[in-house]
C-alpha atoms as a PDB file:
ATOM      1  CA  MET A   1    -206.663 -20.566  15.568  1.00  0.00           C
ATOM      2  CA  GLU A   2    -203.278 -20.361  13.823  1.00  0.00           C
ATOM      3  CA  ALA A   3    -201.473 -19.830  17.153  1.00  0.00           C
ATOM      4  CA  TYR A   4    -203.158 -22.949  18.500  1.00  0.00           C
ATOM      5  CA  LEU A   5    -202.462 -25.118  15.445  1.00  0.00           C
ATOM      6  CA  VAL A   6    -198.763 -24.346  14.877  1.00  0.00           C
ATOM      7  CA  PRO A   7    -197.537 -26.189  18.014  1.00  0.00           C
ATOM      8  CA  VAL A   8    -199.835 -29.108  17.170  1.00  0.00           C
ATOM      9  CA  ILE A   9    -198.370 -29.310  13.668  1.00  0.00           C
ATOM     10  CA  GLU A  10    -194.840 -29.206  15.055  1.00  0.00           C
ATOM     11  CA  ARG A  11    -195.608 -32.118  17.404  1.00  0.00           C
ATOM     12  CA  ARG A  12    -197.165 -34.128  14.579  1.00  0.00           C
ATOM     13  CA  ARG A  13    -194.068 -33.601  12.427  1.00  0.00           C
ATOM     14  CA  ARG A  14    -191.872 -34.957  15.220  1.00  0.00           C
ATOM     15  CA  ARG A  15    -194.216 -37.804  16.192  1.00  0.00           C
ATOM     16  CA  PRO A  16    -196.718 -38.492  13.405  1.00  0.00           C
ATOM     17  CA  GLY A  17    -199.738 -40.658  14.105  1.00  0.00           C
ATOM     18  CA  ALA A  18    -202.755 -41.897  12.185  1.00  0.00           C
ATOM     19  CA  ASP A  19    -204.707 -38.598  12.414  1.00  0.00           C
ATOM     20  CA  LEU A  20    -205.444 -36.183   9.575  1.00  0.00           C
ATOM     21  CA  ILE A  21    -202.931 -33.541  10.702  1.00  0.00           C
ATOM     22  CA  SER A  22    -200.149 -36.140  10.725  1.00  0.00           C
ATOM     23  CA  LYS A  23    -201.143 -37.239   7.223  1.00  0.00           C
ATOM     24  CA  LEU A  24    -200.960 -33.644   6.002  1.00  0.00           C
ATOM     25  CA  CYS A  25    -197.604 -33.079   7.694  1.00  0.00           C
ATOM     26  CA  THR A  26    -196.024 -36.155   6.123  1.00  0.00           C
ATOM     27  CA  ALA A  27    -197.674 -36.039   2.682  1.00  0.00           C
ATOM     28  CA  GLU A  28    -195.488 -35.184  -0.295  1.00  0.00           C
ATOM     29  CA  PHE A  29    -196.230 -34.304  -3.901  1.00  0.00           C
ATOM     30  CA  ASP A  30    -193.347 -34.768  -6.343  1.00  0.00           C
ATOM     31  CA  GLY A  31    -191.068 -34.950  -3.312  1.00  0.00           C
ATOM     32  CA  ILE A  32    -192.261 -31.646  -1.882  1.00  0.00           C
ATOM     33  CA  ALA A  33    -194.011 -31.492   1.505  1.00  0.00           C
ATOM     34  CA  MET A  34    -196.391 -28.748   2.608  1.00  0.00           C
ATOM     35  CA  SER A  35    -195.081 -25.970   4.808  1.00  0.00           C
ATOM     36  CA  ASP A  36    -196.495 -25.302   8.288  1.00  0.00           C
ATOM     37  CA  ARG A  37    -198.414 -22.357   6.883  1.00  0.00           C
ATOM     38  CA  GLU A  38    -199.936 -24.449   4.112  1.00  0.00           C
ATOM     39  CA  VAL A  39    -200.959 -27.199   6.539  1.00  0.00           C
ATOM     40  CA  THR A  40    -202.453 -24.595   8.889  1.00  0.00           C
ATOM     41  CA  ALA A  41    -204.431 -22.956   6.068  1.00  0.00           C
ATOM     42  CA  LEU A  42    -205.791 -26.319   4.911  1.00  0.00           C
ATOM     43  CA  ILE A  43    -206.857 -27.357   8.422  1.00  0.00           C
ATOM     44  CA  ILE A  44    -208.637 -24.035   9.014  1.00  0.00           C
ATOM     45  CA  ASN A  45    -210.317 -24.331   5.633  1.00  0.00           C
ATOM     46  CA  VAL A  46    -211.578 -27.842   6.453  1.00  0.00           C
ATOM     47  CA  LEU A  47    -212.854 -26.773   9.873  1.00  0.00           C
ATOM     48  CA  LEU A  48    -214.660 -23.681   8.597  1.00  0.00           C
ATOM     49  CA  ALA A  49    -216.035 -25.479   5.552  1.00  0.00           C
ATOM     50  CA  ALA A  50    -217.487 -28.240   7.715  1.00  0.00           C
ATOM     51  CA  VAL A  51    -218.788 -26.098  10.584  1.00  0.00           C
ATOM     52  CA  GLU A  52    -220.361 -23.145   8.777  1.00  0.00           C
ATOM     53  CA  PRO A  53    -222.546 -25.091   6.306  1.00  0.00           C
ATOM     54  CA  ALA A  54    -223.506 -27.593   9.031  1.00  0.00           C
ATOM     55  CA  ASP A  55    -225.387 -25.066  11.156  1.00  0.00           C
ATOM     56  CA  LYS A  56    -227.289 -23.801   8.117  1.00  0.00           C
ATOM     57  CA  THR A  57    -228.089 -27.354   7.035  1.00  0.00           C
ATOM     58  CA  LEU A  58    -229.424 -28.148  10.513  1.00  0.00           C
ATOM     59  CA  ALA A  59    -231.698 -25.108  10.519  1.00  0.00           C
ATOM     60  CA  LEU A  60    -232.968 -25.863   7.015  1.00  0.00           C
ATOM     61  CA  LEU A  61    -233.441 -29.558   7.817  1.00  0.00           C
ATOM     62  CA  PHE A  62    -235.768 -28.852  10.727  1.00  0.00           C
ATOM     63  CA  LYS A  63    -237.526 -26.075   8.846  1.00  0.00           C
ATOM     64  CA  HIS A  64    -238.401 -28.425   5.973  1.00  0.00           C
ATOM     65  CA  LEU A  65    -239.382 -31.307   8.251  1.00  0.00           C
ATOM     66  CA  ILE A  66    -241.615 -29.054  10.349  1.00  0.00           C
ATOM     67  CA  ASP A  67    -243.209 -27.720   7.163  1.00  0.00           C
ATOM     68  CA  HIS A  68    -243.860 -31.353   6.142  1.00  0.00           C
ATOM     69  CA  PRO A  69    -245.258 -32.935   9.330  1.00  0.00           C
ATOM     70  CA  GLY A  70    -245.890 -36.284   7.653  1.00  0.00           C
ATOM     71  CA  GLN A  71    -242.216 -36.669   6.752  1.00  0.00           C
ATOM     72  CA  LEU A  72    -241.180 -35.369  10.187  1.00  0.00           C
ATOM     73  CA  ALA A  73    -243.273 -38.089  11.831  1.00  0.00           C
ATOM     74  CA  GLN A  74    -241.671 -40.723   9.598  1.00  0.00           C
ATOM     75  CA  VAL A  75    -238.131 -39.608  10.497  1.00  0.00           C
ATOM     76  CA  ARG A  76    -238.970 -39.519  14.204  1.00  0.00           C
ATOM     77  CA  GLU A  77    -240.438 -43.004  13.982  1.00  0.00           C
ATOM     78  CA  ASP A  78    -237.613 -44.405  11.835  1.00  0.00           C
ATOM     79  CA  PRO A  79    -234.252 -42.658  12.545  1.00  0.00           C
ATOM     80  CA  THR A  80    -232.631 -44.550   9.643  1.00  0.00           C
ATOM     81  CA  LEU A  81    -234.420 -42.035   7.382  1.00  0.00           C
ATOM     82  CA  LEU A  82    -232.360 -39.181   8.833  1.00  0.00           C
ATOM     83  CA  PRO A  83    -229.514 -39.425   6.250  1.00  0.00           C
ATOM     84  CA  ALA A  84    -232.101 -39.257   3.461  1.00  0.00           C
ATOM     85  CA  ALA A  85    -233.689 -36.176   5.051  1.00  0.00           C
ATOM     86  CA  ILE A  86    -230.295 -34.479   5.314  1.00  0.00           C
ATOM     87  CA  ALA A  87    -229.410 -35.365   1.711  1.00  0.00           C
ATOM     88  CA  GLU A  88    -232.724 -33.985   0.449  1.00  0.00           C
ATOM     89  CA  THR A  89    -232.171 -30.807   2.466  1.00  0.00           C
ATOM     90  CA  LEU A  90    -228.761 -30.387   0.827  1.00  0.00           C
ATOM     91  CA  ARG A  91    -230.361 -30.774  -2.590  1.00  0.00           C
ATOM     92  CA  PHE A  92    -233.458 -28.687  -1.908  1.00  0.00           C
ATOM     93  CA  THR A  93    -231.704 -25.766  -0.176  1.00  0.00           C
ATOM     94  CA  PRO A  94    -227.906 -26.129  -0.291  1.00  0.00           C
ATOM     95  CA  PRO A  95    -226.187 -24.001   2.376  1.00  0.00           C
ATOM     96  CA  VAL A  96    -223.672 -22.762  -0.222  1.00  0.00           C
ATOM     97  CA  GLN A  97    -225.407 -21.354  -3.278  1.00  0.00           C
ATOM     98  CA  LEU A  98    -222.505 -20.818  -5.680  1.00  0.00           C
ATOM     99  CA  ILE A  99    -218.918 -21.796  -6.359  1.00  0.00           C
ATOM    100  CA  PRO A 100    -216.403 -19.825  -8.476  1.00  0.00           C
ATOM    101  CA  ARG A 101    -214.389 -21.460 -11.230  1.00  0.00           C
ATOM    102  CA  GLN A 102    -211.750 -19.999 -13.544  1.00  0.00           C
ATOM    103  CA  VAL A 103    -211.954 -20.767 -17.252  1.00  0.00           C
ATOM    104  CA  GLU A 104    -208.766 -22.294 -18.684  1.00  0.00           C
ATOM    105  CA  GLN A 105    -209.723 -21.744 -22.317  1.00  0.00           C
ATOM    106  CA  ASP A 106    -212.438 -19.995 -24.273  1.00  0.00           C
ATOM    107  CA  ALA A 107    -215.760 -21.778 -23.802  1.00  0.00           C
ATOM    108  CA  GLU A 108    -219.246 -21.250 -25.172  1.00  0.00           C
ATOM    109  CA  PHE A 109    -222.396 -21.423 -23.038  1.00  0.00           C
ATOM    110  CA  GLY A 110    -225.807 -20.705 -24.489  1.00  0.00           C
ATOM    111  CA  GLY A 111    -224.360 -18.874 -27.464  1.00  0.00           C
ATOM    112  CA  ALA A 112    -222.114 -16.622 -25.320  1.00  0.00           C
ATOM    113  CA  VAL A 113    -218.335 -17.010 -25.306  1.00  0.00           C
ATOM    114  CA  VAL A 114    -216.641 -17.029 -21.896  1.00  0.00           C
ATOM    115  CA  PRO A 115    -213.006 -15.969 -22.400  1.00  0.00           C
ATOM    116  CA  ALA A 116    -210.062 -17.811 -20.903  1.00  0.00           C
ATOM    117  CA  GLY A 117    -209.097 -16.417 -17.514  1.00  0.00           C
ATOM    118  CA  ALA A 118    -212.633 -15.309 -16.702  1.00  0.00           C
ATOM    119  CA  THR A 119    -214.277 -16.314 -13.437  1.00  0.00           C
ATOM    120  CA  VAL A 120    -217.537 -18.233 -13.696  1.00  0.00           C
ATOM    121  CA  PHE A 121    -219.920 -18.425 -10.747  1.00  0.00           C
ATOM    122  CA  CYS A 122    -221.691 -21.780 -10.887  1.00  0.00           C
ATOM    123  CA  MET A 123    -225.094 -21.647  -9.199  1.00  0.00           C
ATOM    124  CA  ILE A 124    -225.427 -24.800  -7.080  1.00  0.00           C
ATOM    125  CA  GLY A 125    -228.952 -23.955  -5.976  1.00  0.00           C
ATOM    126  CA  ALA A 126    -230.173 -23.809  -9.574  1.00  0.00           C
ATOM    127  CA  ALA A 127    -228.382 -27.025 -10.556  1.00  0.00           C
ATOM    128  CA  ASN A 128    -229.990 -28.894  -7.650  1.00  0.00           C
ATOM    129  CA  ARG A 129    -233.425 -27.924  -8.995  1.00  0.00           C
ATOM    130  CA  ASP A 130    -232.687 -29.066 -12.550  1.00  0.00           C
ATOM    131  CA  PRO A 131    -235.788 -30.902 -13.840  1.00  0.00           C
ATOM    132  CA  GLU A 132    -233.562 -32.982 -16.128  1.00  0.00           C
ATOM    133  CA  ALA A 133    -231.751 -34.364 -13.062  1.00  0.00           C
ATOM    134  CA  PHE A 134    -234.588 -34.601 -10.519  1.00  0.00           C
ATOM    135  CA  THR A 135    -238.280 -35.422 -10.786  1.00  0.00           C
ATOM    136  CA  ALA A 136    -240.462 -32.641  -9.325  1.00  0.00           C
ATOM    137  CA  PRO A 137    -237.350 -30.705  -8.251  1.00  0.00           C
ATOM    138  CA  ASP A 138    -239.312 -28.049  -6.332  1.00  0.00           C
ATOM    139  CA  ALA A 139    -240.814 -30.637  -3.969  1.00  0.00           C
ATOM    140  CA  PHE A 140    -239.142 -31.662  -0.700  1.00  0.00           C
ATOM    141  CA  ASP A 141    -239.244 -35.470  -0.608  1.00  0.00           C
ATOM    142  CA  ILE A 142    -237.021 -37.554   1.671  1.00  0.00           C
ATOM    143  CA  HIS A 143    -238.084 -40.679  -0.252  1.00  0.00           C
ATOM    144  CA  ARG A 144    -236.823 -39.281  -3.550  1.00  0.00           C
ATOM    145  CA  PRO A 145    -235.630 -42.247  -5.667  1.00  0.00           C
ATOM    146  CA  ASP A 146    -233.361 -40.162  -7.926  1.00  0.00           C
ATOM    147  CA  LEU A 147    -231.114 -38.751  -5.193  1.00  0.00           C
ATOM    148  CA  GLY A 148    -229.117 -41.762  -3.975  1.00  0.00           C
ATOM    149  CA  THR A 149    -228.726 -41.240  -0.244  1.00  0.00           C
ATOM    150  CA  ALA A 150    -225.846 -43.707   0.087  1.00  0.00           C
ATOM    151  CA  ARG A 151    -223.601 -41.611  -2.150  1.00  0.00           C
ATOM    152  CA  SER A 152    -224.944 -38.163  -1.232  1.00  0.00           C
ATOM    153  CA  PHE A 153    -221.913 -37.395   0.926  1.00  0.00           C
ATOM    154  CA  THR A 154    -219.321 -38.647  -1.551  1.00  0.00           C
ATOM    155  CA  ALA A 155    -217.761 -37.367  -4.762  1.00  0.00           C
ATOM    156  CA  ALA A 156    -220.394 -39.370  -6.669  1.00  0.00           C
ATOM    157  CA  ALA A 157    -223.340 -37.466  -5.138  1.00  0.00           C
ATOM    158  CA  GLN A 158    -226.207 -36.638  -7.474  1.00  0.00           C
ATOM    159  CA  HIS A 159    -226.636 -33.204  -5.883  1.00  0.00           C
ATOM    160  CA  LEU A 160    -223.908 -30.559  -5.990  1.00  0.00           C
ATOM    161  CA  ALA A 161    -224.096 -29.175  -2.449  1.00  0.00           C
ATOM    162  CA  PHE A 162    -220.562 -30.466  -1.743  1.00  0.00           C
ATOM    163  CA  GLY A 163    -219.206 -29.989  -5.238  1.00  0.00           C
ATOM    164  CA  ALA A 164    -218.471 -32.989  -7.452  1.00  0.00           C
ATOM    165  CA  GLY A 165    -215.665 -35.249  -8.613  1.00  0.00           C
ATOM    166  CA  LEU A 166    -212.184 -33.908  -7.898  1.00  0.00           C
ATOM    167  CA  HIS A 167    -213.724 -30.735  -6.477  1.00  0.00           C
ATOM    168  CA  GLN A 168    -215.805 -32.551  -3.885  1.00  0.00           C
ATOM    169  CA  CYS A 169    -215.607 -30.901  -0.444  1.00  0.00           C
ATOM    170  CA  VAL A 170    -213.180 -32.741   1.844  1.00  0.00           C
ATOM    171  CA  GLY A 171    -215.274 -31.676   4.848  1.00  0.00           C
ATOM    172  CA  ALA A 172    -218.423 -33.433   3.634  1.00  0.00           C
ATOM    173  CA  ALA A 173    -218.023 -36.414   5.975  1.00  0.00           C
ATOM    174  CA  PHE A 174    -217.358 -34.092   8.918  1.00  0.00           C
ATOM    175  CA  ALA A 175    -220.459 -32.030   8.102  1.00  0.00           C
ATOM    176  CA  ARG A 176    -222.548 -35.207   7.854  1.00  0.00           C
ATOM    177  CA  ALA A 177    -221.353 -36.434  11.260  1.00  0.00           C
ATOM    178  CA  GLU A 178    -222.126 -33.076  12.862  1.00  0.00           C
ATOM    179  CA  THR A 179    -225.565 -32.782  11.315  1.00  0.00           C
ATOM    180  CA  GLU A 180    -226.618 -36.358  12.045  1.00  0.00           C
ATOM    181  CA  THR A 181    -225.426 -36.194  15.656  1.00  0.00           C
ATOM    182  CA  VAL A 182    -227.258 -32.984  16.520  1.00  0.00           C
ATOM    183  CA  ALA A 183    -230.389 -33.897  14.550  1.00  0.00           C
ATOM    184  CA  ALA A 184    -230.603 -37.282  16.307  1.00  0.00           C
ATOM    185  CA  LEU A 185    -230.521 -35.488  19.670  1.00  0.00           C
ATOM    186  CA  LEU A 186    -233.220 -32.978  18.734  1.00  0.00           C
ATOM    187  CA  LEU A 187    -235.680 -35.151  16.792  1.00  0.00           C
ATOM    188  CA  PRO A 188    -237.129 -36.928  19.874  1.00  0.00           C
ATOM    189  CA  LEU A 189    -237.910 -33.502  21.352  1.00  0.00           C
ATOM    190  CA  LEU A 190    -239.891 -32.279  18.348  1.00  0.00           C
ATOM    191  CA  ASP A 191    -243.334 -33.371  19.443  1.00  0.00           C
ATOM    192  CA  GLN A 192    -246.204 -31.210  18.149  1.00  0.00           C
ATOM    193  CA  VAL A 193    -243.805 -28.524  16.966  1.00  0.00           C
ATOM    194  CA  ARG A 194    -244.671 -26.274  14.043  1.00  0.00           C
ATOM    195  CA  HIS A 195    -243.051 -23.505  12.055  1.00  0.00           C
ATOM    196  CA  VAL A 196    -244.459 -19.986  12.463  1.00  0.00           C
ATOM    197  CA  PRO A 197    -243.537 -17.766   9.496  1.00  0.00           C
ATOM    198  CA  ALA A 198    -242.507 -14.173  10.112  1.00  0.00           C
ATOM    199  CA  PRO A 199    -245.333 -11.622   9.771  1.00  0.00           C
ATOM    200  CA  ALA A 200    -245.804  -9.938   6.422  1.00  0.00           C
ATOM    201  CA  THR A 201    -244.701  -6.588   7.888  1.00  0.00           C
ATOM    202  CA  GLY A 202    -241.114  -7.794   8.036  1.00  0.00           C
ATOM    203  CA  ARG A 203    -240.788  -6.657  11.643  1.00  0.00           C
ATOM    204  CA  PRO A 204    -238.994  -8.905  14.116  1.00  0.00           C
ATOM    205  CA  VAL A 205    -241.138 -11.265  16.161  1.00  0.00           C
ATOM    206  CA  SER A 206    -240.881 -10.629  19.911  1.00  0.00           C
ATOM    207  CA  THR A 207    -241.345 -13.424  22.389  1.00  0.00           C
ATOM    208  CA  PRO A 208    -243.245 -12.807  25.654  1.00  0.00           C
ATOM    209  CA  GLY A 209    -241.008 -11.219  28.241  1.00  0.00           C
ATOM    210  CA  ALA A 210    -238.246 -10.415  25.777  1.00  0.00           C
ATOM    211  CA  PRO A 211    -237.097  -6.775  25.485  1.00  0.00           C
ATOM    212  CA  SER A 212    -238.242  -4.988  22.377  1.00  0.00           C
ATOM    213  CA  PRO A 213    -235.525  -4.222  19.811  1.00  0.00           C
ATOM    214  CA  CYS A 214    -236.956  -0.717  19.436  1.00  0.00           C
ATOM    215  CA  ARG A 215    -237.357   1.715  22.291  1.00  0.00           C
ATOM    216  CA  SER A 216    -240.820   3.112  22.771  1.00  0.00           C
ATOM    217  CA  THR A 217    -241.694   6.558  21.439  1.00  0.00           C
ATOM    218  CA  SER A 218    -244.752   6.905  23.682  1.00  0.00           C
ATOM    219  CA  PRO A 219    -244.280   8.888  26.939  1.00  0.00           C
ATOM    220  CA  PRO A 220    -245.104   7.181  30.246  1.00  0.00           C
ATOM    221  CA  SER A 221    -248.706   7.446  31.293  1.00  0.00           C
ATOM    222  CA  GLY A 222    -249.510  10.814  32.905  1.00  0.00           C
ATOM    223  CA  ARG A 223    -246.355  12.526  31.696  1.00  0.00           C
ATOM    224  CA  ALA A 224    -245.930  15.043  28.977  1.00  0.00           C
ATOM    225  CA  PRO A 225    -243.704  14.136  26.073  1.00  0.00           C
ATOM    226  CA  PRO A 226    -240.178  15.564  26.209  1.00  0.00           C
ATOM    227  CA  ALA A 227    -239.540  18.816  24.455  1.00  0.00           C
ATOM    228  CA  SER A 228    -238.449  18.601  20.844  1.00  0.00           C
ATOM    229  CA  ALA A 229    -234.874  19.334  19.862  1.00  0.00           C
ATOM    230  CA  GLU A 230    -235.890  22.713  18.461  1.00  0.00           C
ATOM    231  CA  ALA A 231    -237.416  23.786  21.783  1.00  0.00           C
ATOM    232  CA  ARG A 232    -234.436  22.793  23.921  1.00  0.00           C
ATOM    233  CA  PRO A 233    -231.780  25.355  24.709  1.00  0.00           C
ATOM    234  CA  GLY A 234    -228.247  24.837  23.460  1.00  0.00           C
ATOM    235  CA  PRO A 235    -226.963  22.715  20.586  1.00  0.00           C
ATOM    236  CA  PRO A 236    -228.773  19.523  19.707  1.00  0.00           C
ATOM    237  CA  SER A 237    -227.498  16.473  21.555  1.00  0.00           C
ATOM    238  CA  ALA A 238    -225.378  13.959  19.656  1.00  0.00           C
ATOM    239  CA  GLY A 239    -226.155  11.256  22.204  1.00  0.00           C
ATOM    240  CA  PRO A 240    -228.663   8.426  22.015  1.00  0.00           C
ATOM    241  CA  ALA A 241    -231.640  10.750  22.551  1.00  0.00           C
ATOM    242  CA  SER A 242    -231.038  12.411  19.174  1.00  0.00           C
ATOM    243  CA  ARG A 243    -231.175   9.158  17.236  1.00  0.00           C
ATOM    244  CA  PRO A 244    -234.435   7.785  15.826  1.00  0.00           C
ATOM    245  CA  PRO A 245    -236.075   5.187  18.055  1.00  0.00           C
ATOM    246  CA  CYS A 246    -235.554   2.342  15.643  1.00  0.00           C
ATOM    247  CA  SER A 247    -233.557   2.460  12.453  1.00  0.00           C
ATOM    248  CA  ARG A 248    -233.191  -0.374  10.004  1.00  0.00           C
ATOM    249  CA  SER A 249    -231.711  -0.492   6.544  1.00  0.00           C
ATOM    250  CA  ARG A 250    -234.162  -2.108   4.173  1.00  0.00           C
ATOM    251  CA  ARG A 251    -233.802  -3.406   0.678  1.00  0.00           C
ATOM    252  CA  PRO A 252    -235.760  -1.198  -1.752  1.00  0.00           C
ATOM    253  CA  ARG A 253    -238.962  -2.745  -2.964  1.00  0.00           C
ATOM    254  CA  GLY A 254    -238.651  -4.544  -6.235  1.00  0.00           C
ATOM    255  CA  THR A 255    -234.966  -5.349  -5.777  1.00  0.00           C
ATOM    256  CA  PRO A 256    -234.344  -8.825  -7.200  1.00  0.00           C
ATOM    257  CA  THR A 257    -233.282 -11.453  -4.685  1.00  0.00           C
ATOM    258  CA  THR A 258    -231.975 -14.062  -7.099  1.00  0.00           C
ATOM    259  CA  ALA A 259    -228.656 -14.022  -8.892  1.00  0.00           C
ATOM    260  CA  PRO A 260    -228.208 -14.910 -12.579  1.00  0.00           C
ATOM    261  CA  THR A 261    -227.205 -18.453 -13.295  1.00  0.00           C
ATOM    262  CA  LEU A 262    -223.943 -17.430 -15.002  1.00  0.00           C
ATOM    263  CA  THR A 263    -221.727 -14.428 -14.261  1.00  0.00           C
ATOM    264  CA  THR A 264    -218.317 -13.939 -15.789  1.00  0.00           C
ATOM    265  CA  THR A 265    -215.582 -11.458 -15.037  1.00  0.00           C
ATOM    266  CA  SER A 266    -212.548 -10.819 -17.141  1.00  0.00           C
ATOM    267  CA  SER A 267    -209.815  -8.221 -16.891  1.00  0.00           C
ATOM    268  CA  GLY A 268    -211.554  -4.958 -16.194  1.00  0.00           C
ATOM    269  CA  ARG A 269    -214.874  -6.083 -17.620  1.00  0.00           C
ATOM    270  CA  ARG A 270    -217.920  -7.710 -16.080  1.00  0.00           C
ATOM    271  CA  THR A 271    -220.630  -9.392 -18.164  1.00  0.00           C
END
């Protein structure tokens, strides 16, 4: 990506236009312009920030609409409701769950002092379910009156999926354009579609005709099973035959899946 962008930046410096890269190349702060490396890093950051959350937002959008067929039917019938559905998806299940911030001076939260220089992880997902900010926060509702769809992709958004104020994500408009474009193409195709949850066993769901992710341990009909490693002459094989048929790393039962709402780190100490 960097090798591709550097020549583009050089051309924009020589012949600037009205595009974003030209604006970055010609912008100055206190008389100082950004270097090619700084412009490249910012462009890559904008691209990744807009593309990566967009695919997650799309998946979550359709998941929630399929789980709420009445609201899905309303969006399919009235496409002007699509921005509201996307905004509610961002609030209900933001694609980015936390953002780090560094404390400039000692601050107190809930009776605990966070020292200056510590890093605080702000939990966006928890903030977007704050009952003091949203009525029935655990309900997915595209008609939510306390969300404000018109400003949901701006620095004044009620939800925090794109940050807020001066820290609002500069790729928010790009992510909105991506999500709306793809969703508008797919919505007319979602007729009588439904979401099928994964089975309780946690095993992957195989579609008809698709190869199984695990190789079979049963011998072909009419054949004897192969001899065990102990019965074979010579050293045990280190090839594929010596590996278990299907190995997966699993999270131990009882392991918590949610993070605390506030985590701080200071020099050499984690609280």
